[in-house]
Protein backbone atom coordinates (compact mmCIF):
# COMPACT_ATOMS: atom_id res chain seq x y z
CA MET A 1 158.69 40.50 -84.95
CA ASP A 2 157.97 38.41 -82.13
CA ILE A 3 161.19 38.92 -79.70
CA THR A 4 159.42 36.59 -77.32
CA LYS A 5 160.24 33.62 -79.60
CA LEU A 6 164.18 34.00 -80.25
CA ASN A 7 165.30 32.20 -77.81
CA PRO A 8 169.32 32.74 -78.48
CA VAL A 9 171.69 31.02 -77.61
CA ALA A 10 175.74 31.82 -77.78
CA ILE A 11 177.87 30.86 -80.60
CA SER A 12 179.80 27.60 -79.61
CA THR A 13 182.76 27.25 -78.57
CA TYR A 14 183.99 24.32 -80.98
CA ALA A 15 182.25 26.24 -84.21
CA LYS A 16 185.68 26.76 -85.25
CA ASP A 17 186.56 22.60 -84.89
CA LYS A 18 183.55 22.09 -87.46
CA VAL A 19 184.89 24.59 -89.60
CA ILE A 20 188.12 22.62 -89.57
CA CYS A 21 186.99 19.34 -89.39
CA ASP A 22 184.95 19.99 -92.37
CA PHE A 23 187.98 22.07 -95.37
CA PHE A 24 191.00 21.40 -93.53
CA PRO A 25 190.60 17.48 -92.38
CA ASP A 26 194.54 16.69 -92.91
CA VAL A 27 195.61 18.39 -89.96
CA VAL A 28 192.92 17.79 -87.59
CA SER A 29 193.69 16.43 -84.54
CA ASP A 30 191.67 13.97 -82.45
CA ASP A 31 190.47 16.43 -80.19
CA ASP A 32 189.37 18.76 -82.96
CA LYS A 33 186.83 16.24 -84.37
CA GLU A 34 185.57 15.60 -80.83
CA ASN A 35 184.80 18.88 -79.79
CA ALA A 36 183.48 18.99 -83.97
CA GLU A 37 180.88 16.58 -82.48
CA GLU A 38 179.93 17.78 -79.27
CA LEU A 39 176.65 19.38 -82.00
CA ASP A 40 174.39 17.27 -83.48
CA SER A 41 174.95 17.94 -87.20
CA ARG A 42 172.37 20.36 -87.96
CA ASN A 43 172.68 22.47 -84.82
CA ALA A 44 176.59 22.44 -85.72
CA THR A 45 176.06 23.54 -89.13
CA MET A 46 173.80 26.69 -87.99
CA HIS A 47 176.31 27.56 -85.42
CA ALA A 48 179.67 27.02 -87.84
CA GLY A 49 177.87 29.29 -90.17
CA ALA A 50 177.17 31.67 -87.53
CA PHE A 51 180.81 31.70 -86.39
CA CYS A 52 181.96 32.43 -90.07
CA LEU A 53 179.57 35.50 -90.70
CA TYR A 54 180.62 36.95 -87.55
CA ALA A 55 184.77 36.37 -88.70
CA THR A 56 183.80 38.00 -92.27
CA MET A 57 181.96 41.04 -90.21
CA LEU A 58 184.98 41.84 -88.70
CA MET A 59 187.45 41.41 -91.20
CA THR A 60 184.53 43.64 -93.36
CA LYS A 61 183.51 45.74 -90.54
CA VAL A 62 180.23 46.59 -91.92
CA TYR A 63 179.02 47.54 -88.21
CA GLU A 64 181.44 50.69 -88.20
CA GLU A 65 180.38 53.16 -90.50
CA ASN A 66 177.19 52.25 -91.60
CA PRO A 67 175.01 50.42 -88.75
CA PHE A 68 171.58 50.52 -90.10
CA ALA A 69 172.39 49.64 -93.60
CA LEU A 70 172.22 45.72 -91.83
CA GLU A 71 168.76 46.14 -91.40
CA PRO A 72 168.22 45.79 -87.70
CA TYR A 73 165.33 45.42 -85.85
CA TYR A 74 165.07 47.16 -82.74
CA SER A 75 161.33 48.65 -82.24
CA GLU A 76 161.01 47.23 -78.67
CA ARG A 77 164.55 48.65 -77.89
CA GLU A 78 163.46 51.85 -79.08
CA GLN A 79 160.64 51.93 -77.24
CA ALA A 80 162.06 51.37 -74.49
CA ILE A 81 164.34 54.53 -74.38
CA ARG A 82 162.12 56.56 -75.38
CA GLN A 83 160.23 55.91 -72.59
CA GLN A 84 163.27 56.59 -69.97
CA ILE A 85 163.87 59.90 -71.85
CA GLU A 86 160.21 60.96 -71.53
CA ASN A 87 160.70 59.74 -67.37
CA ASP A 88 163.80 61.94 -67.20
CA SER A 89 163.54 65.79 -66.52
CA GLN A 90 166.90 66.22 -67.99
CA TYR A 91 165.08 66.12 -71.57
CA ASP A 92 162.82 67.83 -70.87
CA ASN A 93 163.46 70.86 -73.04
CA MET A 94 164.41 68.44 -76.19
CA THR A 95 162.48 68.49 -79.25
CA GLU A 96 161.36 65.12 -80.71
CA GLU A 97 163.91 65.62 -83.64
CA GLN A 98 166.95 65.61 -80.79
CA ILE A 99 165.38 62.77 -79.08
CA ASN A 100 164.86 60.70 -81.89
CA SER A 101 168.59 61.60 -83.10
CA ILE A 102 169.49 60.61 -79.73
CA ILE A 103 167.74 57.38 -79.99
CA LYS A 104 169.15 56.51 -83.56
CA ASN A 105 172.74 57.39 -82.08
CA ARG A 106 172.63 55.03 -78.98
CA ILE A 107 171.05 51.98 -81.81
CA SER A 108 173.81 52.87 -84.16
CA THR A 109 176.70 52.83 -81.20
CA ASP A 110 175.31 49.52 -79.46
CA ILE A 111 175.28 47.58 -83.05
CA ARG A 112 179.24 48.22 -83.34
CA ASN A 113 179.94 47.47 -79.80
CA SER A 114 177.99 44.56 -79.64
CA PHE A 115 179.95 43.07 -82.54
CA ALA A 116 183.01 44.78 -81.83
CA HIS A 117 183.21 42.92 -78.64
CA GLY A 118 181.26 39.32 -79.06
CA ASN A 119 178.45 40.79 -77.24
CA PHE A 120 175.75 39.03 -79.06
CA LYS A 121 174.22 35.54 -79.12
CA ILE A 122 172.37 34.13 -81.99
CA SER A 123 168.65 32.82 -82.85
CA TYR A 124 167.92 30.11 -85.41
CA ASP A 125 166.05 27.14 -87.39
CA ILE A 126 167.54 24.00 -88.40
CA TYR A 127 165.11 23.32 -91.36
CA THR A 128 164.81 27.09 -92.64
CA LYS A 129 168.46 27.88 -91.58
CA LYS A 130 167.16 31.18 -90.87
CA LEU A 131 169.45 32.37 -88.76
CA ASN A 132 169.53 35.82 -86.40
CA PHE A 133 172.17 37.68 -84.51
CA VAL A 134 170.67 38.96 -80.76
CA LEU A 135 172.48 41.89 -79.52
CA THR A 136 172.19 42.57 -75.72
CA PRO A 137 174.82 45.47 -75.77
CA ILE A 138 175.00 46.77 -72.26
CA GLN A 139 175.18 50.39 -71.54
CA HIS A 140 174.72 52.50 -68.59
CA GLU A 141 173.15 55.53 -69.90
CA PHE A 142 169.52 53.56 -70.79
CA ASN A 143 169.19 50.16 -68.94
CA VAL A 144 166.80 48.47 -71.52
CA SER A 145 167.01 44.80 -72.00
CA GLU A 146 165.20 44.77 -75.14
CA PRO A 147 167.80 43.25 -78.23
CA ILE A 148 168.82 44.30 -81.48
CA VAL A 149 168.13 41.94 -83.88
CA ILE A 150 170.00 41.15 -87.37
CA SER A 151 169.47 38.98 -89.83
CA SER A 152 172.22 36.90 -91.34
CA LYS A 153 170.62 37.52 -94.72
CA SER A 154 170.42 41.61 -94.12
CA ILE A 155 174.50 41.26 -93.14
CA LEU A 156 175.58 38.70 -96.42
CA LYS A 157 173.93 41.45 -98.20
CA THR A 158 175.77 44.52 -96.97
CA ILE A 159 179.00 41.74 -96.92
CA LYS A 160 178.58 41.28 -100.38
CA LYS A 161 177.56 44.85 -101.75
CA GLN A 162 180.98 46.08 -99.56
CA LEU A 163 183.29 43.14 -101.74
CA GLU A 164 181.73 43.74 -105.29
CA THR A 165 182.58 47.33 -104.71
CA VAL A 166 186.40 46.27 -103.55
CA GLY A 167 186.62 43.65 -106.38
CA ASP A 168 186.07 46.33 -109.14
CA PHE A 169 188.19 48.61 -107.35
CA TYR A 170 191.28 45.68 -107.64
CA ALA A 171 189.66 44.83 -111.13
CA LEU A 172 190.15 47.78 -112.46
CA ASN A 173 193.26 48.54 -111.15
CA LEU A 174 194.02 45.26 -112.42
CA ARG A 175 193.32 46.47 -116.07
CA PHE A 176 194.83 49.43 -116.55
CA ASN A 177 198.31 49.06 -113.91
CA SER A 178 199.82 46.67 -114.03
CA ASP A 179 201.89 47.83 -110.67
CA SER A 180 198.51 47.93 -109.10
CA MET A 181 197.71 47.41 -105.33
CA VAL A 182 196.45 43.62 -106.55
CA THR A 183 200.05 42.47 -108.04
CA THR A 184 202.43 44.74 -105.06
CA GLY A 185 200.11 45.03 -102.35
CA LEU A 186 199.22 41.55 -101.62
CA SER A 187 198.89 42.04 -97.98
CA THR A 188 196.43 45.14 -98.42
CA THR A 189 194.39 42.85 -101.10
CA LEU A 190 194.73 39.65 -98.41
CA LYS A 191 193.46 41.82 -95.75
CA LYS A 192 190.39 44.12 -97.84
CA PHE A 193 189.48 41.40 -100.00
CA LEU A 194 190.63 37.92 -100.14
CA LEU A 195 190.34 36.76 -96.74
CA PRO A 196 186.91 38.27 -96.28
CA ALA A 197 185.53 36.72 -99.96
CA GLN A 198 187.14 33.84 -98.77
CA THR A 199 185.32 33.83 -95.16
CA LYS A 200 182.01 34.69 -96.75
CA LYS A 201 182.05 31.60 -99.23
CA ILE A 202 182.79 29.19 -96.44
CA THR A 203 179.47 31.06 -94.43
CA GLU A 204 177.47 30.59 -97.70
CA TYR A 205 178.61 26.78 -97.79
CA TYR A 206 176.75 26.48 -94.13
CA LEU A 207 173.57 28.45 -94.14
CA ASN A 208 172.68 28.49 -97.81
CA SER A 209 169.97 25.49 -98.84
CA GLY A 210 171.14 24.43 -101.63
CA VAL A 211 174.01 21.47 -101.52
CA GLN A 212 177.21 22.93 -102.77
CA ASN A 213 180.47 21.10 -103.69
CA LYS A 214 182.92 21.40 -100.56
CA ASN A 215 185.72 21.37 -102.66
CA SER A 216 184.78 24.26 -104.91
CA VAL A 217 184.73 26.88 -101.38
CA LEU A 218 188.52 27.26 -101.02
CA PHE A 219 190.02 29.53 -103.23
CA LYS A 220 193.53 27.63 -102.13
CA LYS A 221 194.60 24.93 -100.84
CA ASN A 222 197.58 26.49 -98.94
CA SER A 223 195.49 29.15 -97.88
CA HIS A 224 194.91 27.39 -94.74
CA TRP A 225 197.30 29.28 -92.06
CA PHE A 226 195.42 32.53 -93.05
CA ILE A 227 191.82 31.05 -92.91
CA TYR A 228 193.39 29.69 -89.07
CA TYR A 229 194.08 32.63 -88.30
CA VAL A 230 190.88 34.75 -89.24
CA LEU A 231 188.86 31.81 -87.27
CA MET A 232 191.43 31.70 -84.34
CA ALA A 233 191.55 35.62 -83.35
CA THR A 234 187.07 35.62 -83.93
CA LYS A 235 187.15 32.65 -81.49
CA ILE A 236 188.89 34.92 -78.73
CA THR A 237 187.46 37.87 -79.82
CA TYR A 238 183.80 36.10 -79.45
CA GLU A 239 185.06 34.65 -76.08
CA GLN A 240 187.27 37.45 -74.92
CA GLN A 241 185.30 37.32 -71.02
CA ASP A 242 186.44 34.21 -70.79
CA TYR A 243 189.65 35.16 -70.53
CA TYR A 244 189.35 38.50 -68.79
CA ASN A 245 187.66 35.91 -66.14
CA ILE A 246 190.02 32.57 -65.80
CA PHE A 247 193.56 34.81 -66.45
CA GLY A 248 192.75 38.27 -65.02
CA LYS A 249 193.19 41.93 -67.41
CA ASP A 250 196.75 42.39 -65.60
CA SER A 251 198.00 38.99 -67.07
CA ASN A 252 199.88 38.91 -70.58
CA ILE A 253 197.95 36.31 -71.47
CA PHE A 254 194.48 38.94 -71.32
CA GLU A 255 196.77 41.98 -72.11
CA THR A 256 197.82 39.63 -75.50
CA ILE A 257 194.04 38.55 -76.22
CA ARG A 258 193.02 42.31 -75.43
CA LEU A 259 195.29 43.39 -78.58
CA ILE A 260 194.19 41.31 -80.97
CA ARG A 261 190.87 41.97 -80.07
CA ASN A 262 191.28 45.53 -80.46
CA SER A 263 193.31 45.36 -83.42
CA LEU A 264 190.90 42.92 -85.54
CA ALA A 265 187.64 45.10 -84.34
CA HIS A 266 189.14 48.37 -84.87
CA ASP A 267 191.23 47.58 -88.12
CA GLY A 268 194.76 47.66 -86.15
CA ILE A 269 195.54 44.71 -87.96
CA THR A 270 198.00 44.64 -90.93
CA PHE A 271 199.97 41.95 -92.84
CA THR A 272 203.44 42.76 -94.42
CA ASP A 273 206.33 41.22 -95.84
CA ASP A 274 204.06 39.77 -97.99
CA ALA A 275 201.71 38.64 -95.85
CA GLU A 276 204.27 36.83 -93.80
CA ASN A 277 204.16 38.74 -91.02
CA ILE A 278 201.01 40.73 -89.16
CA HIS A 279 201.30 43.73 -87.22
CA TYR A 280 199.05 44.44 -84.70
CA LYS A 281 198.03 48.14 -83.25
CA ASP A 282 196.02 49.22 -80.20
CA LYS A 283 195.95 52.62 -78.83
CA ARG A 284 198.69 51.56 -76.12
CA VAL A 285 200.39 49.30 -78.20
CA GLU A 286 202.00 47.39 -80.76
CA LEU A 287 203.23 44.16 -81.89
CA ASN A 288 204.95 42.42 -84.73
CA GLU A 289 204.83 38.42 -85.15
CA SER A 290 204.79 35.95 -88.14
CA VAL A 291 201.03 34.58 -89.19
CA VAL A 292 202.33 31.16 -88.20
CA GLU A 293 203.61 32.50 -85.04
CA SER A 294 199.93 34.44 -84.02
CA VAL A 295 198.31 31.13 -84.90
CA SER A 296 200.21 29.05 -83.05
CA LYS A 297 200.04 31.34 -79.86
CA LEU A 298 196.18 31.25 -80.10
CA LEU A 299 195.51 27.71 -80.65
CA ILE A 300 197.95 27.13 -77.35
CA VAL A 301 196.18 29.61 -75.28
CA ASP A 302 192.65 28.85 -76.67
CA ALA A 303 193.87 25.08 -75.59
CA GLN A 304 194.58 26.48 -71.99
CA LYS A 305 191.41 28.24 -71.40
CA GLN A 306 189.64 25.36 -72.70
CA THR A 307 191.05 23.03 -70.30
CA ILE A 308 190.37 25.03 -67.13
CA MET A 309 186.55 26.14 -68.58
CA MET A 310 186.05 22.37 -68.56
CA LEU A 311 187.38 21.70 -64.69
CA TYR A 312 185.31 24.30 -63.50
CA LYS A 313 182.18 22.61 -65.02
CA SER A 314 183.84 19.08 -63.28
CA ASN A 315 183.82 21.33 -59.63
CA CYS A 316 187.71 20.26 -59.68
CA LYS A 317 189.49 21.73 -56.41
CA PRO A 318 189.95 25.60 -56.47
CA GLU A 319 193.44 25.20 -55.51
CA ILE A 320 194.06 22.87 -58.43
CA ILE A 321 192.55 25.02 -60.71
CA GLN A 322 194.55 27.84 -59.68
CA SER A 323 198.00 26.29 -59.92
CA LEU A 324 196.91 25.12 -63.35
CA ILE A 325 196.54 28.74 -64.18
CA ASP A 326 199.26 30.11 -62.95
CA ASP A 327 201.35 27.92 -64.56
CA TYR A 328 199.83 28.54 -68.09
CA LYS A 329 200.50 32.23 -67.15
CA ASN A 330 204.46 31.24 -66.68
CA VAL A 331 204.50 29.12 -69.54
CA PHE A 332 203.14 31.93 -71.89
CA ASP A 333 205.15 34.69 -69.99
CA GLN A 334 208.66 32.51 -70.95
CA THR A 335 207.55 31.24 -74.18
CA LEU A 336 204.74 32.60 -76.27
CA ASN A 337 204.91 36.46 -75.59
CA GLY A 338 208.54 36.90 -76.50
CA MET A 339 210.30 37.71 -73.00
CA TYR A 340 212.69 34.90 -74.01
CA ARG A 341 214.44 34.49 -77.55
CA PHE A 342 214.02 30.92 -78.42
CA GLU A 343 217.81 30.58 -78.27
CA ASP A 344 217.68 32.08 -74.37
CA MET A 345 216.02 28.44 -73.61
CA PHE A 346 219.25 26.33 -74.14
CA ASP A 347 222.89 26.43 -72.95
CA GLU A 348 225.35 27.91 -74.93
CA ASN A 349 226.97 24.30 -75.51
CA ASP A 350 223.54 23.25 -76.84
CA LEU A 351 223.77 25.25 -80.01
CA GLU A 352 224.89 23.82 -83.52
CA PRO A 353 228.24 25.46 -84.73
CA GLY A 354 227.54 28.80 -86.36
CA GLN A 355 224.55 29.90 -85.01
CA ASN A 356 224.50 32.72 -82.29
CA LYS A 357 223.93 33.29 -78.89
């Protein structure tokens, strides 16, 4: 592979809007339509496909247990790391086998970290629909710039195999046990099988060359809140650095973004109460809220972040931008971060009879 011809670019921040416009036109806003048109149709299709494939990866965690199943290309990176090892005296007494193990472990970690933190770009051909994920992991053990390249074809193959295994398990339980996880564990089934199977199908709609009937892609028309959730959580995972740069690491906005990102990337999300609510769990903090709340919160902070990014590009005065950022933080703290109950936003006399203060 000639890595000099990859020309990697970031997944468009409007890829999510393209998916929403295509599959949920009834809930599309004028802003969504304008955003989706930022890329021409062929480029938008590839970005939407890459975005949905990344969403499927985050749901299935195929990059976690065995990253090499994704068939990564990393020859130049391996050579660069090996060269640094050979020039470092601390490795002088190591055997070839030990050095190979160090390199393999480093590549494996780089793949997991890149996908968990959204640290990658894409390279594609709009005519052949060939798509590669170009991973550029940042790590200090070996200072190398050569990328790891993984094709969408190999990722889809790995995901398909995993979903077939999970699907066979549910089918077997359904056949021999009427009280199986399929019927009594909707939350688990949704997380482990139904949602990733759905995002995979949407991915194939965009990336497969054959013409497909868009109406046959969605499993259920009333599933848009869950798909909305997966797309929004994927978007903030990929763009988390923007939130860090704008709102700061100590803001409640970034703390929430980090919690959702960590929970999604490291299997800390659980759907509860027949999938009406969602539970996030990170090392330091947990959060319970409804799926609708999560979607609404992510839509709002994403719109805020997009506004600030546009102001930066328009060379708006720094003090005006900072004032708006401060306002956004206050709105989030007082309404979206759970610091106040909905009822607390009103005077006691404004409550309807029978409502509790």
